[in-house]
Amino acid sequence: MRVRLGHDRFVIRTESTTTATAATVHELLVDVDAWSLWSPHVASVSSDRDRVEAGWVGETRALFAPTTTTMVVDEVRPEGGYRWHSTVGPWRLDYDNLVLATPQGCTVRFTAELAGPAATVLERLVAPFSALGQRRRIARLIKLAELVEGKARTKRPATGDAPPSPGATGARQPSTMVPRNRKPPSN
């Protein structure tokens, strides 16, 4: 977490790198239906569009919030994430959900900035929780992007070949569901 103090502004920034491509991460960011997979604190989203683009407006509600908040997307970068804001009373909250391509994949950077009366005091109070939330959302987003790309790249073993061990690729193997009181089929 990096925190930068300004005159009446306080910034919380978290970033992490991944081997997933910027295009995959970006696609998960702009697909509103995918938000619940990497940002589970979002209880609901209401908008007339299911993809984020500049000018997109949606009503979002967090699990812990009694009301919705209007989210306005200010900019969408090609394969680079987006910038958005919301206002609550006299405060403006600016967010960046950015994707920066690297030769090995990309860096995902989330930034939250609050402006308004006593913004520095308010942000200092919520900074630990906000930073934790950023880290968790980025980790889920990266894991999801790597899973999506891993499935796209995974080649099924030929008949008779043993499947790779879970430790070989780090990927989880699918579980076999067997009804109660029944034996699994023998090979």
C-alpha atoms as a PDB file:
ATOM      1  CA  MET A   1       0.000   0.000   0.000  1.00  0.00           C
ATOM      2  CA  ARG A   2       1.264   3.459  -0.851  1.00  0.00           C
ATOM      3  CA  VAL A   3      -0.289   6.485   0.724  1.00  0.00           C
ATOM      4  CA  ARG A   4       0.293  10.003  -0.566  1.00  0.00           C
ATOM      5  CA  LEU A   5      -0.855  13.019   1.383  1.00  0.00           C
ATOM      6  CA  GLY A   6      -1.788  16.266  -0.316  1.00  0.00           C
ATOM      7  CA  HIS A   7      -3.343  19.552   0.752  1.00  0.00           C
ATOM      8  CA  ASP A   8      -6.836  18.132   1.238  1.00  0.00           C
ATOM      9  CA  ARG A   9      -6.429  14.801  -0.514  1.00  0.00           C
ATOM     10  CA  PHE A  10      -5.371  11.356   0.622  1.00  0.00           C
ATOM     11  CA  VAL A  11      -4.555   8.552  -1.816  1.00  0.00           C
ATOM     12  CA  ILE A  12      -4.561   4.801  -1.252  1.00  0.00           C
ATOM     13  CA  ARG A  13      -2.814   2.829  -3.994  1.00  0.00           C
ATOM     14  CA  THR A  14      -2.267  -0.912  -4.291  1.00  0.00           C
ATOM     15  CA  GLU A  15      -0.710  -2.787  -7.195  1.00  0.00           C
ATOM     16  CA  SER A  16       0.355  -6.290  -8.073  1.00  0.00           C
ATOM     17  CA  THR A  17       1.778  -8.027 -11.122  1.00  0.00           C
ATOM     18  CA  THR A  18       0.574 -11.087 -12.983  1.00  0.00           C
ATOM     19  CA  THR A  19       1.515 -13.233 -15.949  1.00  0.00           C
ATOM     20  CA  ALA A  20      -2.016 -12.768 -17.299  1.00  0.00           C
ATOM     21  CA  THR A  21      -2.294 -10.437 -20.281  1.00  0.00           C
ATOM     22  CA  ALA A  22      -3.569  -6.899 -19.957  1.00  0.00           C
ATOM     23  CA  ALA A  23      -6.372  -7.795 -22.392  1.00  0.00           C
ATOM     24  CA  THR A  24      -7.707 -10.565 -20.124  1.00  0.00           C
ATOM     25  CA  VAL A  25      -7.572  -8.458 -16.959  1.00  0.00           C
ATOM     26  CA  HIS A  26      -9.157  -5.503 -18.762  1.00  0.00           C
ATOM     27  CA  GLU A  27     -11.984  -7.687 -20.058  1.00  0.00           C
ATOM     28  CA  LEU A  28     -12.771  -8.852 -16.504  1.00  0.00           C
ATOM     29  CA  LEU A  29     -12.780  -5.235 -15.321  1.00  0.00           C
ATOM     30  CA  VAL A  30     -15.198  -3.928 -17.973  1.00  0.00           C
ATOM     31  CA  ASP A  31     -17.579  -6.915 -17.848  1.00  0.00           C
ATOM     32  CA  VAL A  32     -20.095  -5.918 -15.170  1.00  0.00           C
ATOM     33  CA  ASP A  33     -21.296  -9.524 -14.778  1.00  0.00           C
ATOM     34  CA  ALA A  34     -17.731 -10.571 -13.846  1.00  0.00           C
ATOM     35  CA  TRP A  35     -17.533  -8.104 -10.944  1.00  0.00           C
ATOM     36  CA  SER A  36     -19.138 -10.545  -8.510  1.00  0.00           C
ATOM     37  CA  LEU A  37     -16.293 -12.989  -9.203  1.00  0.00           C
ATOM     38  CA  TRP A  38     -13.474 -10.671  -8.170  1.00  0.00           C
ATOM     39  CA  SER A  39     -15.280  -8.010  -6.108  1.00  0.00           C
ATOM     40  CA  PRO A  40     -17.744  -9.980  -3.968  1.00  0.00           C
ATOM     41  CA  HIS A  41     -18.523  -7.027  -1.682  1.00  0.00           C
ATOM     42  CA  VAL A  42     -20.603  -5.555  -4.530  1.00  0.00           C
ATOM     43  CA  ALA A  43     -24.085  -6.809  -3.678  1.00  0.00           C
ATOM     44  CA  SER A  44     -25.837  -5.318  -6.703  1.00  0.00           C
ATOM     45  CA  VAL A  45     -25.289  -3.264  -9.840  1.00  0.00           C
ATOM     46  CA  SER A  46     -28.021  -1.586 -11.823  1.00  0.00           C
ATOM     47  CA  SER A  47     -27.266  -0.102 -15.244  1.00  0.00           C
ATOM     48  CA  ASP A  48     -28.661  -0.156 -18.753  1.00  0.00           C
ATOM     49  CA  ARG A  49     -25.306  -1.461 -20.075  1.00  0.00           C
ATOM     50  CA  ASP A  50     -23.438  -4.613 -19.074  1.00  0.00           C
ATOM     51  CA  ARG A  51     -20.028  -3.351 -20.239  1.00  0.00           C
ATOM     52  CA  VAL A  52     -18.194  -0.385 -18.796  1.00  0.00           C
ATOM     53  CA  GLU A  53     -17.349   2.398 -21.235  1.00  0.00           C
ATOM     54  CA  ALA A  54     -16.692   6.113 -20.865  1.00  0.00           C
ATOM     55  CA  GLY A  55     -19.877   7.732 -19.607  1.00  0.00           C
ATOM     56  CA  TRP A  56     -21.214   4.492 -18.088  1.00  0.00           C
ATOM     57  CA  VAL A  57     -23.417   5.177 -15.072  1.00  0.00           C
ATOM     58  CA  GLY A  58     -24.529   2.538 -12.627  1.00  0.00           C
ATOM     59  CA  GLU A  59     -26.068   2.254  -9.191  1.00  0.00           C
ATOM     60  CA  THR A  60     -23.953  -0.016  -7.011  1.00  0.00           C
ATOM     61  CA  ARG A  61     -24.581  -1.275  -3.507  1.00  0.00           C
ATOM     62  CA  ALA A  62     -21.967  -2.839  -1.280  1.00  0.00           C
ATOM     63  CA  LEU A  63     -22.945  -5.674   1.054  1.00  0.00           C
ATOM     64  CA  PHE A  64     -22.367  -3.448   4.066  1.00  0.00           C
ATOM     65  CA  ALA A  65     -24.153  -0.364   2.665  1.00  0.00           C
ATOM     66  CA  PRO A  66     -27.834   0.356   3.275  1.00  0.00           C
ATOM     67  CA  THR A  67     -28.171   2.430   0.078  1.00  0.00           C
ATOM     68  CA  THR A  68     -26.810   2.520  -3.443  1.00  0.00           C
ATOM     69  CA  THR A  69     -24.061   4.780  -4.743  1.00  0.00           C
ATOM     70  CA  THR A  70     -23.931   6.214  -8.248  1.00  0.00           C
ATOM     71  CA  MET A  71     -20.770   5.169 -10.085  1.00  0.00           C
ATOM     72  CA  VAL A  72     -19.731   7.244 -13.109  1.00  0.00           C
ATOM     73  CA  VAL A  73     -16.981   6.025 -15.458  1.00  0.00           C
ATOM     74  CA  ASP A  74     -14.869   8.947 -16.635  1.00  0.00           C
ATOM     75  CA  GLU A  75     -12.379   7.148 -18.889  1.00  0.00           C
ATOM     76  CA  VAL A  76     -11.787   3.672 -20.292  1.00  0.00           C
ATOM     77  CA  ARG A  77      -8.325   2.908 -21.631  1.00  0.00           C
ATOM     78  CA  PRO A  78      -7.921   0.351 -24.421  1.00  0.00           C
ATOM     79  CA  GLU A  79      -6.881  -2.823 -22.564  1.00  0.00           C
ATOM     80  CA  GLY A  80      -5.897  -0.548 -19.682  1.00  0.00           C
ATOM     81  CA  GLY A  81      -8.785  -0.459 -17.219  1.00  0.00           C
ATOM     82  CA  TYR A  82     -10.804   2.606 -16.301  1.00  0.00           C
ATOM     83  CA  ARG A  83     -11.162   5.639 -14.059  1.00  0.00           C
ATOM     84  CA  TRP A  84     -14.409   6.346 -12.236  1.00  0.00           C
ATOM     85  CA  HIS A  85     -15.895   8.461  -9.472  1.00  0.00           C
ATOM     86  CA  SER A  86     -18.790   8.736  -7.105  1.00  0.00           C
ATOM     87  CA  THR A  87     -19.991  11.468  -4.798  1.00  0.00           C
ATOM     88  CA  VAL A  88     -21.424  11.163  -1.333  1.00  0.00           C
ATOM     89  CA  GLY A  89     -22.591  14.427   0.190  1.00  0.00           C
ATOM     90  CA  PRO A  90     -19.750  16.951  -0.050  1.00  0.00           C
ATOM     91  CA  TRP A  91     -17.125  14.273  -0.812  1.00  0.00           C
ATOM     92  CA  ARG A  92     -15.902  13.072  -4.163  1.00  0.00           C
ATOM     93  CA  LEU A  93     -14.289   9.673  -4.376  1.00  0.00           C
ATOM     94  CA  ASP A  94     -12.024   9.098  -7.409  1.00  0.00           C
ATOM     95  CA  TYR A  95     -10.970   5.586  -8.284  1.00  0.00           C
ATOM     96  CA  ASP A  96      -8.570   4.113 -10.816  1.00  0.00           C
ATOM     97  CA  ASN A  97      -8.798   0.448 -11.760  1.00  0.00           C
ATOM     98  CA  LEU A  98      -5.849   0.390 -14.155  1.00  0.00           C
ATOM     99  CA  VAL A  99      -4.028  -2.309 -16.101  1.00  0.00           C
ATOM    100  CA  LEU A 100      -0.470  -1.632 -17.247  1.00  0.00           C
ATOM    101  CA  ALA A 101       0.976  -4.072 -19.794  1.00  0.00           C
ATOM    102  CA  THR A 102       4.432  -5.498 -19.075  1.00  0.00           C
ATOM    103  CA  PRO A 103       6.626  -7.866 -21.126  1.00  0.00           C
ATOM    104  CA  GLN A 104       5.731 -10.694 -18.706  1.00  0.00           C
ATOM    105  CA  GLY A 105       2.002  -9.910 -18.357  1.00  0.00           C
ATOM    106  CA  CYS A 106       0.666  -6.819 -16.608  1.00  0.00           C
ATOM    107  CA  THR A 107       0.477  -4.787 -13.435  1.00  0.00           C
ATOM    108  CA  VAL A 108      -2.921  -4.156 -11.879  1.00  0.00           C
ATOM    109  CA  ARG A 109      -3.134  -0.858  -9.970  1.00  0.00           C
ATOM    110  CA  PHE A 110      -6.103   0.313  -7.918  1.00  0.00           C
ATOM    111  CA  THR A 111      -6.158   3.821  -6.498  1.00  0.00           C
ATOM    112  CA  ALA A 112      -8.734   5.465  -4.239  1.00  0.00           C
ATOM    113  CA  GLU A 113      -8.705   9.184  -3.532  1.00  0.00           C
ATOM    114  CA  LEU A 114     -11.119  11.200  -1.420  1.00  0.00           C
ATOM    115  CA  ALA A 115     -11.600  14.968  -1.686  1.00  0.00           C
ATOM    116  CA  GLY A 116     -13.803  17.187   0.425  1.00  0.00           C
ATOM    117  CA  PRO A 117     -14.138  18.462   3.985  1.00  0.00           C
ATOM    118  CA  ALA A 118     -11.829  16.640   6.395  1.00  0.00           C
ATOM    119  CA  ALA A 119     -10.929  14.145   3.634  1.00  0.00           C
ATOM    120  CA  THR A 120      -7.500  13.444   5.109  1.00  0.00           C
ATOM    121  CA  VAL A 121      -8.974  12.602   8.508  1.00  0.00           C
ATOM    122  CA  LEU A 122     -11.691  10.388   7.005  1.00  0.00           C
ATOM    123  CA  GLU A 123      -9.270   8.538   4.741  1.00  0.00           C
ATOM    124  CA  ARG A 124      -6.839   7.925   7.589  1.00  0.00           C
ATOM    125  CA  LEU A 125      -9.670   6.277   9.489  1.00  0.00           C
ATOM    126  CA  VAL A 126     -10.683   3.988   6.616  1.00  0.00           C
ATOM    127  CA  ALA A 127      -7.258   3.544   4.958  1.00  0.00           C
ATOM    128  CA  PRO A 128      -6.453   0.161   6.535  1.00  0.00           C
ATOM    129  CA  PHE A 129      -9.833  -1.260   5.478  1.00  0.00           C
ATOM    130  CA  SER A 130      -9.687   0.310   2.033  1.00  0.00           C
ATOM    131  CA  ALA A 131      -6.155  -0.977   1.423  1.00  0.00           C
ATOM    132  CA  LEU A 132      -7.145  -4.470   2.571  1.00  0.00           C
ATOM    133  CA  GLY A 133     -10.116  -4.371   0.195  1.00  0.00           C
ATOM    134  CA  GLN A 134      -7.901  -3.244  -2.688  1.00  0.00           C
ATOM    135  CA  ARG A 135      -5.400  -6.037  -2.035  1.00  0.00           C
ATOM    136  CA  ARG A 136      -8.138  -8.656  -1.863  1.00  0.00           C
ATOM    137  CA  ARG A 137      -9.908  -7.451  -5.022  1.00  0.00           C
ATOM    138  CA  ILE A 138      -6.646  -7.320  -6.987  1.00  0.00           C
ATOM    139  CA  ALA A 139      -5.655 -10.794  -5.776  1.00  0.00           C
ATOM    140  CA  ARG A 140      -9.048 -12.210  -6.824  1.00  0.00           C
ATOM    141  CA  LEU A 141      -8.931 -10.408 -10.182  1.00  0.00           C
ATOM    142  CA  ILE A 142      -5.430 -11.730 -10.904  1.00  0.00           C
ATOM    143  CA  LYS A 143      -6.328 -15.268  -9.856  1.00  0.00           C
ATOM    144  CA  LEU A 144      -9.418 -15.162 -12.067  1.00  0.00           C
ATOM    145  CA  ALA A 145      -7.460 -13.804 -15.066  1.00  0.00           C
ATOM    146  CA  GLU A 146      -4.793 -16.476 -14.651  1.00  0.00           C
ATOM    147  CA  LEU A 147      -7.492 -19.134 -14.376  1.00  0.00           C
ATOM    148  CA  VAL A 148      -9.225 -17.881 -17.531  1.00  0.00           C
ATOM    149  CA  GLU A 149      -5.945 -17.854 -19.450  1.00  0.00           C
ATOM    150  CA  GLY A 150      -4.844 -21.190 -17.988  1.00  0.00           C
ATOM    151  CA  LYS A 151      -8.033 -22.873 -19.167  1.00  0.00           C
ATOM    152  CA  ALA A 152      -7.568 -21.357 -22.608  1.00  0.00           C
ATOM    153  CA  ARG A 153      -3.983 -22.634 -22.784  1.00  0.00           C
ATOM    154  CA  THR A 154      -4.479 -26.010 -21.098  1.00  0.00           C
ATOM    155  CA  LYS A 155      -4.263 -28.925 -23.452  1.00  0.00           C
ATOM    156  CA  ARG A 156      -6.158 -32.048 -22.452  1.00  0.00           C
ATOM    157  CA  PRO A 157      -3.992 -35.150 -22.054  1.00  0.00           C
ATOM    158  CA  ALA A 158      -4.306 -37.793 -24.749  1.00  0.00           C
ATOM    159  CA  THR A 159      -6.333 -40.902 -23.915  1.00  0.00           C
ATOM    160  CA  GLY A 160      -4.338 -43.184 -21.682  1.00  0.00           C
ATOM    161  CA  ASP A 161      -2.012 -40.414 -20.472  1.00  0.00           C
ATOM    162  CA  ALA A 162      -1.983 -39.721 -16.780  1.00  0.00           C
ATOM    163  CA  PRO A 163      -3.296 -36.266 -15.907  1.00  0.00           C
ATOM    164  CA  PRO A 164      -0.683 -33.855 -14.590  1.00  0.00           C
ATOM    165  CA  SER A 165      -0.295 -33.791 -10.842  1.00  0.00           C
ATOM    166  CA  PRO A 166      -1.782 -30.719  -9.144  1.00  0.00           C
ATOM    167  CA  GLY A 167       1.669 -29.606  -8.016  1.00  0.00           C
ATOM    168  CA  ALA A 168       3.063 -29.698 -11.557  1.00  0.00           C
ATOM    169  CA  THR A 169       1.117 -26.693 -12.819  1.00  0.00           C
ATOM    170  CA  GLY A 170      -0.300 -25.254  -9.651  1.00  0.00           C
ATOM    171  CA  ALA A 171      -3.776 -25.703 -11.108  1.00  0.00           C
ATOM    172  CA  ARG A 172      -6.500 -27.324  -9.087  1.00  0.00           C
ATOM    173  CA  GLN A 173      -7.818 -30.565 -10.478  1.00  0.00           C
ATOM    174  CA  PRO A 174     -11.580 -31.001 -10.852  1.00  0.00           C
ATOM    175  CA  SER A 175     -13.206 -33.098  -8.177  1.00  0.00           C
ATOM    176  CA  THR A 176     -15.255 -36.161  -8.956  1.00  0.00           C
ATOM    177  CA  MET A 177     -18.772 -36.204  -7.589  1.00  0.00           C
ATOM    178  CA  VAL A 178     -20.001 -39.638  -6.530  1.00  0.00           C
ATOM    179  CA  PRO A 179     -23.531 -40.146  -5.172  1.00  0.00           C
ATOM    180  CA  ARG A 180     -23.752 -41.548  -1.646  1.00  0.00           C
ATOM    181  CA  ASN A 181     -23.777 -45.308  -1.287  1.00  0.00           C
ATOM    182  CA  ARG A 182     -22.316 -45.743  -4.756  1.00  0.00           C
ATOM    183  CA  LYS A 183     -18.830 -46.727  -5.651  1.00  0.00           C
ATOM    184  CA  PRO A 184     -16.862 -44.660  -8.119  1.00  0.00           C
ATOM    185  CA  PRO A 185     -16.570 -46.292 -11.542  1.00  0.00           C
ATOM    186  CA  SER A 186     -13.518 -48.507 -11.921  1.00  0.00           C
ATOM    187  CA  ASN A 187     -11.076 -47.797 -14.727  1.00  0.00           C
END
